[in-house]
C-alpha atoms as a PDB file:
ATOM      1  CA  MET A   1     -14.170  23.640   3.135  1.00  0.00           C
ATOM      2  CA  LYS A   2     -11.033  21.516   3.299  1.00  0.00           C
ATOM      3  CA  ARG A   3     -11.426  18.579   5.674  1.00  0.00           C
ATOM      4  CA  LEU A   4      -8.859  16.045   6.917  1.00  0.00           C
ATOM      5  CA  PHE A   5      -9.722  12.583   8.268  1.00  0.00           C
ATOM      6  CA  VAL A   6      -7.053  10.240   9.611  1.00  0.00           C
ATOM      7  CA  VAL A   7      -6.971   6.821  11.247  1.00  0.00           C
ATOM      8  CA  GLY A   8      -4.125   4.793  12.735  1.00  0.00           C
ATOM      9  CA  CYS A   9      -2.542   3.721  16.022  1.00  0.00           C
ATOM     10  CA  SER A  10      -0.471   5.758  18.515  1.00  0.00           C
ATOM     11  CA  PHE A  11       1.705   6.974  15.633  1.00  0.00           C
ATOM     12  CA  THR A  12      -1.399   8.935  14.570  1.00  0.00           C
ATOM     13  CA  GLN A  13      -3.023   9.858  17.899  1.00  0.00           C
ATOM     14  CA  TYR A  14      -0.936  10.207  21.037  1.00  0.00           C
ATOM     15  CA  TYR A  15      -0.367  12.379  24.123  1.00  0.00           C
ATOM     16  CA  TRP A  16       1.534  14.959  22.080  1.00  0.00           C
ATOM     17  CA  PRO A  17       1.051  16.211  18.493  1.00  0.00           C
ATOM     18  CA  THR A  18       1.672  13.670  15.736  1.00  0.00           C
ATOM     19  CA  TRP A  19       1.962  14.146  11.979  1.00  0.00           C
ATOM     20  CA  ALA A  20      -1.856  14.133  11.879  1.00  0.00           C
ATOM     21  CA  ASP A  21      -2.287  16.985  14.350  1.00  0.00           C
ATOM     22  CA  ILE A  22       0.434  19.056  12.708  1.00  0.00           C
ATOM     23  CA  LEU A  23      -1.002  18.485   9.228  1.00  0.00           C
ATOM     24  CA  SER A  24      -4.469  19.409  10.498  1.00  0.00           C
ATOM     25  CA  GLN A  25      -3.295  23.033  10.868  1.00  0.00           C
ATOM     26  CA  GLU A  26      -3.533  23.244   7.068  1.00  0.00           C
ATOM     27  CA  TYR A  27      -7.235  22.273   7.032  1.00  0.00           C
ATOM     28  CA  ASP A  28     -10.526  23.877   7.983  1.00  0.00           C
ATOM     29  CA  TYR A  29     -11.864  20.775   9.729  1.00  0.00           C
ATOM     30  CA  PHE A  30     -10.163  17.743  11.277  1.00  0.00           C
ATOM     31  CA  GLU A  31     -11.203  14.361  12.677  1.00  0.00           C
ATOM     32  CA  ASN A  32      -8.593  12.030  14.178  1.00  0.00           C
ATOM     33  CA  TRP A  33      -9.921   8.462  14.281  1.00  0.00           C
ATOM     34  CA  GLY A  34      -6.600   7.125  15.502  1.00  0.00           C
ATOM     35  CA  GLN A  35      -6.264   5.346  18.817  1.00  0.00           C
ATOM     36  CA  PRO A  36      -3.191   4.096  20.673  1.00  0.00           C
ATOM     37  CA  GLY A  37      -2.772   0.338  20.485  1.00  0.00           C
ATOM     38  CA  LEU A  38      -5.027  -0.345  17.513  1.00  0.00           C
ATOM     39  CA  GLY A  39      -4.265  -3.259  15.233  1.00  0.00           C
ATOM     40  CA  ASN A  40      -4.964  -3.410  11.525  1.00  0.00           C
ATOM     41  CA  ARG A  41      -8.394  -4.993  11.826  1.00  0.00           C
ATOM     42  CA  ALA A  42      -9.534  -2.114  14.035  1.00  0.00           C
ATOM     43  CA  ILE A  43      -7.904   0.433  11.712  1.00  0.00           C
ATOM     44  CA  LEU A  44      -9.818  -0.995   8.753  1.00  0.00           C
ATOM     45  CA  GLU A  45     -13.085  -0.973  10.697  1.00  0.00           C
ATOM     46  CA  ARG A  46     -12.589   2.591  11.924  1.00  0.00           C
ATOM     47  CA  LEU A  47     -11.760   3.665   8.359  1.00  0.00           C
ATOM     48  CA  THR A  48     -15.048   2.143   7.258  1.00  0.00           C
ATOM     49  CA  GLU A  49     -16.861   3.816  10.142  1.00  0.00           C
ATOM     50  CA  LEU A  50     -15.486   7.266   9.317  1.00  0.00           C
ATOM     51  CA  VAL A  51     -16.548   6.800   5.675  1.00  0.00           C
ATOM     52  CA  VAL A  52     -20.059   5.795   6.764  1.00  0.00           C
ATOM     53  CA  HIS A  53     -20.370   8.802   9.096  1.00  0.00           C
ATOM     54  CA  ASN A  54     -19.075  11.423   6.639  1.00  0.00           C
ATOM     55  CA  LYS A  55     -20.157  12.267   3.123  1.00  0.00           C
ATOM     56  CA  LEU A  56     -16.695  12.590   1.634  1.00  0.00           C
ATOM     57  CA  THR A  57     -16.125  14.867  -1.348  1.00  0.00           C
ATOM     58  CA  LYS A  58     -13.301  15.804  -3.708  1.00  0.00           C
ATOM     59  CA  ASP A  59     -12.262  18.527  -1.257  1.00  0.00           C
ATOM     60  CA  ASP A  60     -11.570  16.027   1.537  1.00  0.00           C
ATOM     61  CA  THR A  61      -8.371  14.159   2.378  1.00  0.00           C
ATOM     62  CA  VAL A  62      -8.176  10.766   4.113  1.00  0.00           C
ATOM     63  CA  ILE A  63      -4.895   9.285   5.382  1.00  0.00           C
ATOM     64  CA  VAL A  64      -4.644   5.772   6.818  1.00  0.00           C
ATOM     65  CA  GLN A  65      -1.665   4.726   8.931  1.00  0.00           C
ATOM     66  CA  TRP A  66      -1.360   0.935   9.108  1.00  0.00           C
ATOM     67  CA  THR A  67       0.439  -0.667  12.033  1.00  0.00           C
ATOM     68  CA  ASP A  68       2.303  -3.973  12.445  1.00  0.00           C
ATOM     69  CA  PHE A  69       0.688  -7.410  12.638  1.00  0.00           C
ATOM     70  CA  HIS A  70       1.549  -8.349  16.241  1.00  0.00           C
ATOM     71  CA  ARG A  71      -1.732  -7.009  17.609  1.00  0.00           C
ATOM     72  CA  TYR A  72      -5.048  -8.487  18.674  1.00  0.00           C
ATOM     73  CA  ASP A  73      -8.139  -6.277  18.433  1.00  0.00           C
ATOM     74  CA  ILE A  74     -11.157  -6.683  20.713  1.00  0.00           C
ATOM     75  CA  HIS A  75     -14.324  -4.624  20.343  1.00  0.00           C
ATOM     76  CA  HIS A  76     -17.032  -4.065  22.909  1.00  0.00           C
ATOM     77  CA  ARG A  77     -18.905  -1.082  24.272  1.00  0.00           C
ATOM     78  CA  ASN A  78     -17.331   0.987  27.063  1.00  0.00           C
ATOM     79  CA  PRO A  79     -14.098  -1.010  27.495  1.00  0.00           C
ATOM     80  CA  LEU A  80     -11.912  -0.611  30.551  1.00  0.00           C
ATOM     81  CA  ARG A  81      -9.136   1.741  29.501  1.00  0.00           C
ATOM     82  CA  ILE A  82      -6.291   1.553  32.003  1.00  0.00           C
ATOM     83  CA  ASN A  83      -3.436   3.030  29.993  1.00  0.00           C
ATOM     84  CA  PHE A  84      -5.493   5.554  27.999  1.00  0.00           C
ATOM     85  CA  PRO A  85      -8.609   6.299  30.067  1.00  0.00           C
ATOM     86  CA  ASN A  86      -9.738   9.161  27.806  1.00  0.00           C
ATOM     87  CA  CYS A  87     -10.100   6.817  24.825  1.00  0.00           C
ATOM     88  CA  THR A  88     -13.538   5.419  25.563  1.00  0.00           C
ATOM     89  CA  ASP A  89     -14.673   4.131  22.211  1.00  0.00           C
ATOM     90  CA  GLY A  90     -15.316   0.467  21.541  1.00  0.00           C
ATOM     91  CA  TRP A  91     -11.843  -0.810  20.667  1.00  0.00           C
ATOM     92  CA  ASN A  92     -10.069  -2.218  23.686  1.00  0.00           C
ATOM     93  CA  ALA A  93      -6.653  -1.901  22.084  1.00  0.00           C
ATOM     94  CA  HIS A  94      -3.450  -2.977  23.819  1.00  0.00           C
ATOM     95  CA  GLY A  95      -0.689  -2.772  21.213  1.00  0.00           C
ATOM     96  CA  THR A  96       1.687  -5.656  20.592  1.00  0.00           C
ATOM     97  CA  ILE A  97       0.706  -8.901  22.288  1.00  0.00           C
ATOM     98  CA  PHE A  98       4.332  -9.583  23.292  1.00  0.00           C
ATOM     99  CA  ASP A  99       4.491  -6.626  25.695  1.00  0.00           C
ATOM    100  CA  ASN A 100       1.057  -7.128  27.208  1.00  0.00           C
ATOM    101  CA  PRO A 101       0.602  -9.265  30.329  1.00  0.00           C
ATOM    102  CA  ARG A 102      -2.999 -10.070  29.409  1.00  0.00           C
ATOM    103  CA  PHE A 103      -1.616 -12.379  26.698  1.00  0.00           C
ATOM    104  CA  SER A 104       0.183 -15.279  28.324  1.00  0.00           C
ATOM    105  CA  TYR A 105       2.870 -17.308  26.611  1.00  0.00           C
ATOM    106  CA  GLU A 106       0.428 -20.213  26.466  1.00  0.00           C
ATOM    107  CA  TRP A 107      -2.262 -18.064  24.840  1.00  0.00           C
ATOM    108  CA  ILE A 108       0.158 -16.766  22.213  1.00  0.00           C
ATOM    109  CA  GLN A 109       1.390 -20.273  21.430  1.00  0.00           C
ATOM    110  CA  THR A 110      -2.171 -21.535  21.032  1.00  0.00           C
ATOM    111  CA  ASN A 111      -3.983 -18.624  19.380  1.00  0.00           C
ATOM    112  CA  TRP A 112      -1.520 -16.393  17.556  1.00  0.00           C
ATOM    113  CA  LYS A 113       0.340 -17.460  14.411  1.00  0.00           C
ATOM    114  CA  GLU A 114       2.594 -15.005  12.654  1.00  0.00           C
ATOM    115  CA  PHE A 115       1.759 -16.161   9.137  1.00  0.00           C
ATOM    116  CA  SER A 116      -1.971 -15.887   9.814  1.00  0.00           C
ATOM    117  CA  TYR A 117      -1.733 -12.365  11.195  1.00  0.00           C
ATOM    118  CA  MET A 118       0.463 -11.281   8.297  1.00  0.00           C
ATOM    119  CA  LEU A 119      -2.218 -12.641   5.963  1.00  0.00           C
ATOM    120  CA  HIS A 120      -4.921 -10.799   7.895  1.00  0.00           C
ATOM    121  CA  THR A 121      -2.971  -7.540   7.702  1.00  0.00           C
ATOM    122  CA  TYR A 122      -2.408  -7.709   3.949  1.00  0.00           C
ATOM    123  CA  ASN A 123      -6.076  -8.548   3.378  1.00  0.00           C
ATOM    124  CA  TYR A 124      -7.081  -5.560   5.520  1.00  0.00           C
ATOM    125  CA  ILE A 125      -4.775  -3.286   3.510  1.00  0.00           C
ATOM    126  CA  LYS A 126      -6.210  -4.574   0.228  1.00  0.00           C
ATOM    127  CA  LEU A 127      -9.770  -4.068   1.440  1.00  0.00           C
ATOM    128  CA  GLY A 128      -8.926  -0.601   2.757  1.00  0.00           C
ATOM    129  CA  THR A 129      -7.295   0.363  -0.538  1.00  0.00           C
ATOM    130  CA  CYS A 130     -10.356  -0.782  -2.495  1.00  0.00           C
ATOM    131  CA  LEU A 131     -12.554   1.341  -0.230  1.00  0.00           C
ATOM    132  CA  LEU A 132     -10.300   4.388  -0.631  1.00  0.00           C
ATOM    133  CA  GLU A 133     -10.213   3.978  -4.405  1.00  0.00           C
ATOM    134  CA  SER A 134     -14.020   4.119  -4.475  1.00  0.00           C
ATOM    135  CA  LEU A 135     -14.065   7.553  -2.804  1.00  0.00           C
ATOM    136  CA  PRO A 136     -13.949  10.958  -4.560  1.00  0.00           C
ATOM    137  CA  CYS A 137     -11.454  12.373  -2.030  1.00  0.00           C
ATOM    138  CA  THR A 138      -7.664  12.617  -1.996  1.00  0.00           C
ATOM    139  CA  TRP A 139      -6.118   9.796   0.004  1.00  0.00           C
ATOM    140  CA  TYR A 140      -2.789   8.386   1.133  1.00  0.00           C
ATOM    141  CA  VAL A 141      -1.597   5.473   3.223  1.00  0.00           C
ATOM    142  CA  THR A 142       1.397   5.278   5.519  1.00  0.00           C
ATOM    143  CA  PHE A 143       2.729   2.778   8.048  1.00  0.00           C
ATOM    144  CA  MET A 144       4.194   2.570  11.508  1.00  0.00           C
ATOM    145  CA  ASN A 145       6.765   0.020  10.289  1.00  0.00           C
ATOM    146  CA  ASP A 146       7.749  -1.396   6.909  1.00  0.00           C
ATOM    147  CA  LEU A 147       5.097  -3.963   5.913  1.00  0.00           C
ATOM    148  CA  VAL A 148       6.519  -4.713   2.470  1.00  0.00           C
ATOM    149  CA  ALA A 149       9.829  -6.242   3.609  1.00  0.00           C
ATOM    150  CA  PRO A 150       8.168  -9.008   5.707  1.00  0.00           C
ATOM    151  CA  LEU A 151       6.655 -10.398   2.508  1.00  0.00           C
ATOM    152  CA  GLU A 152      10.101 -11.805   1.717  1.00  0.00           C
ATOM    153  CA  MET A 153       9.715 -14.144   4.703  1.00  0.00           C
ATOM    154  CA  HIS A 154       6.968 -16.212   3.077  1.00  0.00           C
ATOM    155  CA  GLU A 155       6.889 -17.110  -0.596  1.00  0.00           C
ATOM    156  CA  ASP A 156       3.184 -17.927  -0.230  1.00  0.00           C
ATOM    157  CA  LEU A 157       2.516 -14.231   0.417  1.00  0.00           C
ATOM    158  CA  SER A 158       4.565 -12.858  -2.478  1.00  0.00           C
ATOM    159  CA  ALA A 159       1.463 -12.030  -4.531  1.00  0.00           C
ATOM    160  CA  TYR A 160       0.544  -9.444  -1.902  1.00  0.00           C
ATOM    161  CA  LYS A 161       3.362  -7.169  -3.068  1.00  0.00           C
ATOM    162  CA  SER A 162       0.903  -5.988  -5.709  1.00  0.00           C
ATOM    163  CA  ILE A 163      -1.577  -4.601  -3.142  1.00  0.00           C
ATOM    164  CA  PHE A 164       0.520  -1.630  -2.117  1.00  0.00           C
ATOM    165  CA  PRO A 165      -0.646   1.583  -3.843  1.00  0.00           C
ATOM    166  CA  LEU A 166       2.812   2.974  -4.558  1.00  0.00           C
ATOM    167  CA  THR A 167       1.605   6.316  -5.923  1.00  0.00           C
ATOM    168  CA  ARG A 168      -0.399   6.940  -2.730  1.00  0.00           C
ATOM    169  CA  MET A 169       2.010   5.302  -0.274  1.00  0.00           C
ATOM    170  CA  LEU A 170       4.147   7.334   2.125  1.00  0.00           C
ATOM    171  CA  PRO A 171       7.270   5.762   3.694  1.00  0.00           C
ATOM    172  CA  PRO A 172       7.023   4.080   7.119  1.00  0.00           C
ATOM    173  CA  ILE A 173       7.098   6.614   9.945  1.00  0.00           C
ATOM    174  CA  ASN A 174       9.411   4.581  12.175  1.00  0.00           C
ATOM    175  CA  ASP A 175      12.008   4.184   9.437  1.00  0.00           C
ATOM    176  CA  PHE A 176      12.186   7.938   8.936  1.00  0.00           C
ATOM    177  CA  CYS A 177      12.085   8.893  12.638  1.00  0.00           C
ATOM    178  CA  LYS A 178      14.293   6.158  14.096  1.00  0.00           C
ATOM    179  CA  ASP A 179      17.403   8.356  14.404  1.00  0.00           C
ATOM    180  CA  TYR A 180      15.635  11.288  16.051  1.00  0.00           C
ATOM    181  CA  PRO A 181      16.088  11.745  19.818  1.00  0.00           C
ATOM    182  CA  LYS A 182      13.300  10.196  21.897  1.00  0.00           C
ATOM    183  CA  HIS A 183      11.525  11.858  24.775  1.00  0.00           C
ATOM    184  CA  ILE A 184      12.236  10.538  28.276  1.00  0.00           C
ATOM    185  CA  LEU A 185       9.257   9.819  30.552  1.00  0.00           C
ATOM    186  CA  ASP A 186       9.942   8.725  34.132  1.00  0.00           C
ATOM    187  CA  ASN A 187      13.527   7.871  33.178  1.00  0.00           C
ATOM    188  CA  VAL A 188      12.298   5.612  30.371  1.00  0.00           C
ATOM    189  CA  GLU A 189      12.725   6.364  26.673  1.00  0.00           C
ATOM    190  CA  ASP A 190       9.325   6.658  24.991  1.00  0.00           C
ATOM    191  CA  PRO A 191       9.469   4.861  21.606  1.00  0.00           C
ATOM    192  CA  HIS A 192       7.077   7.270  19.882  1.00  0.00           C
ATOM    193  CA  PRO A 193       8.397  10.003  17.570  1.00  0.00           C
ATOM    194  CA  THR A 194       8.373  13.506  19.007  1.00  0.00           C
ATOM    195  CA  PRO A 195       6.531  16.358  17.240  1.00  0.00           C
ATOM    196  CA  ILE A 196       9.670  17.575  15.469  1.00  0.00           C
ATOM    197  CA  ALA A 197      10.262  14.104  14.012  1.00  0.00           C
ATOM    198  CA  HIS A 198       6.617  13.994  12.877  1.00  0.00           C
ATOM    199  CA  TYR A 199       6.956  17.491  11.433  1.00  0.00           C
ATOM    200  CA  ASP A 200      10.077  16.633   9.434  1.00  0.00           C
ATOM    201  CA  TYR A 201       8.372  13.487   8.153  1.00  0.00           C
ATOM    202  CA  LEU A 202       5.483  15.569   6.811  1.00  0.00           C
ATOM    203  CA  ARG A 203       7.759  18.266   5.398  1.00  0.00           C
ATOM    204  CA  THR A 204       9.817  15.657   3.571  1.00  0.00           C
ATOM    205  CA  PHE A 205       7.095  13.471   2.109  1.00  0.00           C
ATOM    206  CA  LEU A 206       3.786  15.301   2.015  1.00  0.00           C
ATOM    207  CA  VAL A 207       3.650  19.046   2.653  1.00  0.00           C
ATOM    208  CA  PRO A 208       6.735  21.225   2.127  1.00  0.00           C
ATOM    209  CA  ASN A 209       5.190  24.375   3.648  1.00  0.00           C
ATOM    210  CA  LEU A 210       4.286  23.786   7.285  1.00  0.00           C
ATOM    211  CA  ASP A 211       4.429  26.000  10.353  1.00  0.00           C
ATOM    212  CA  LYS A 212       7.682  24.934  12.006  1.00  0.00           C
ATOM    213  CA  THR A 213       7.194  27.462  14.798  1.00  0.00           C
ATOM    214  CA  TRP A 214       4.087  25.565  15.883  1.00  0.00           C
ATOM    215  CA  ALA A 215       5.898  22.241  15.703  1.00  0.00           C
ATOM    216  CA  GLN A 216       8.909  23.590  17.613  1.00  0.00           C
ATOM    217  CA  LYS A 217       6.676  24.974  20.355  1.00  0.00           C
ATOM    218  CA  ALA A 218       5.024  21.569  20.699  1.00  0.00           C
ATOM    219  CA  GLU A 219       8.457  19.974  20.925  1.00  0.00           C
ATOM    220  CA  ASP A 220       9.588  22.448  23.571  1.00  0.00           C
ATOM    221  CA  LEU A 221       6.578  21.582  25.723  1.00  0.00           C
ATOM    222  CA  LEU A 222       7.794  17.992  25.986  1.00  0.00           C
ATOM    223  CA  ALA A 223      10.609  19.172  28.231  1.00  0.00           C
ATOM    224  CA  ASN A 224       8.129  20.488  30.790  1.00  0.00           C
ATOM    225  CA  PHE A 225       6.565  17.305  32.078  1.00  0.00           C
ATOM    226  CA  THR A 226       7.580  13.887  33.356  1.00  0.00           C
ATOM    227  CA  GLN A 227       4.195  12.153  33.244  1.00  0.00           C
ATOM    228  CA  SER A 228       2.349  11.648  29.965  1.00  0.00           C
ATOM    229  CA  SER A 229      -0.996  12.734  31.435  1.00  0.00           C
ATOM    230  CA  GLN A 230       0.386  16.199  32.205  1.00  0.00           C
ATOM    231  CA  SER A 231       0.875  16.943  28.511  1.00  0.00           C
ATOM    232  CA  ILE A 232      -2.870  17.090  27.894  1.00  0.00           C
ATOM    233  CA  THR A 233      -3.152  20.290  29.946  1.00  0.00           C
ATOM    234  CA  LEU A 234       0.077  21.743  28.570  1.00  0.00           C
ATOM    235  CA  PHE A 235      -0.823  21.374  24.908  1.00  0.00           C
ATOM    236  CA  GLU A 236      -4.372  22.598  25.479  1.00  0.00           C
ATOM    237  CA  LYS A 237      -3.144  25.685  27.324  1.00  0.00           C
ATOM    238  CA  GLU A 238      -0.176  26.632  25.164  1.00  0.00           C
ATOM    239  CA  LEU A 239      -1.334  25.567  21.704  1.00  0.00           C
ATOM    240  CA  ASN A 240      -5.113  25.474  22.097  1.00  0.00           C
ATOM    241  CA  TRP A 241      -4.754  21.790  21.310  1.00  0.00           C
ATOM    242  CA  GLY A 242      -5.669  18.937  23.622  1.00  0.00           C
ATOM    243  CA  ALA A 243      -4.452  15.372  23.257  1.00  0.00           C
ATOM    244  CA  TYR A 244      -8.000  14.186  22.612  1.00  0.00           C
ATOM    245  CA  LYS A 245      -9.548  17.389  21.296  1.00  0.00           C
ATOM    246  CA  TYR A 246     -10.015  16.074  17.778  1.00  0.00           C
ATOM    247  CA  ASN A 247     -10.245  12.381  18.597  1.00  0.00           C
ATOM    248  CA  ARG A 248     -13.357  10.964  16.955  1.00  0.00           C
ATOM    249  CA  LYS A 249     -15.181   8.438  19.107  1.00  0.00           C
ATOM    250  CA  GLY A 250     -16.525   5.407  17.284  1.00  0.00           C
ATOM    251  CA  LEU A 251     -19.286   2.995  18.177  1.00  0.00           C
END
């Protein structure tokens, strides 16, 4: 049985189908450990958790999507989920700290240092790569944004260029999808790639033979709602796919 396991942020698990959900159509079994708003510490920990909970074999595939380093991960049981109430696992993720009112300017100035969080991110990627290399399965890594270019900002971090597994590394999703039209929600442009952008990303870099009819139908459904929460019912009804159907809850 071919199984697919993925982990990442909202570029992996969102209200509408992402690259992960589209790719899952090629597999017999699928677990999406992604969660909107996750930072790289949480992504590493959820990767570890999915490895612990599944006996991975040579027939399995694991793909990790790393995010940027402007995030602060907090873990506790049963967190209050205001923006994504159906994500009830232990990571109380909020995305970038600069767009979140819970992080005041004073808190950011006192507690968050860019260099430190870049260092944390590259250490997480190195640790995650070592874990993946120890597994018998097929694996790849991808990114929301380019994490190699920021290394040029700090000479002290230049040694970390060697941590990126080039033969298993897919290009950043945002770089590929940036010129695709965005979906409009409540008269605001949603920054996340639409299913067609995700589909073309997969077709270009990973799997050349995908079901474009399925991806196009998912894209067409985006025109039928104005509130994100409505898409859950639409995708479940029309595609037999719900926004959280394959989401794997962690501890």
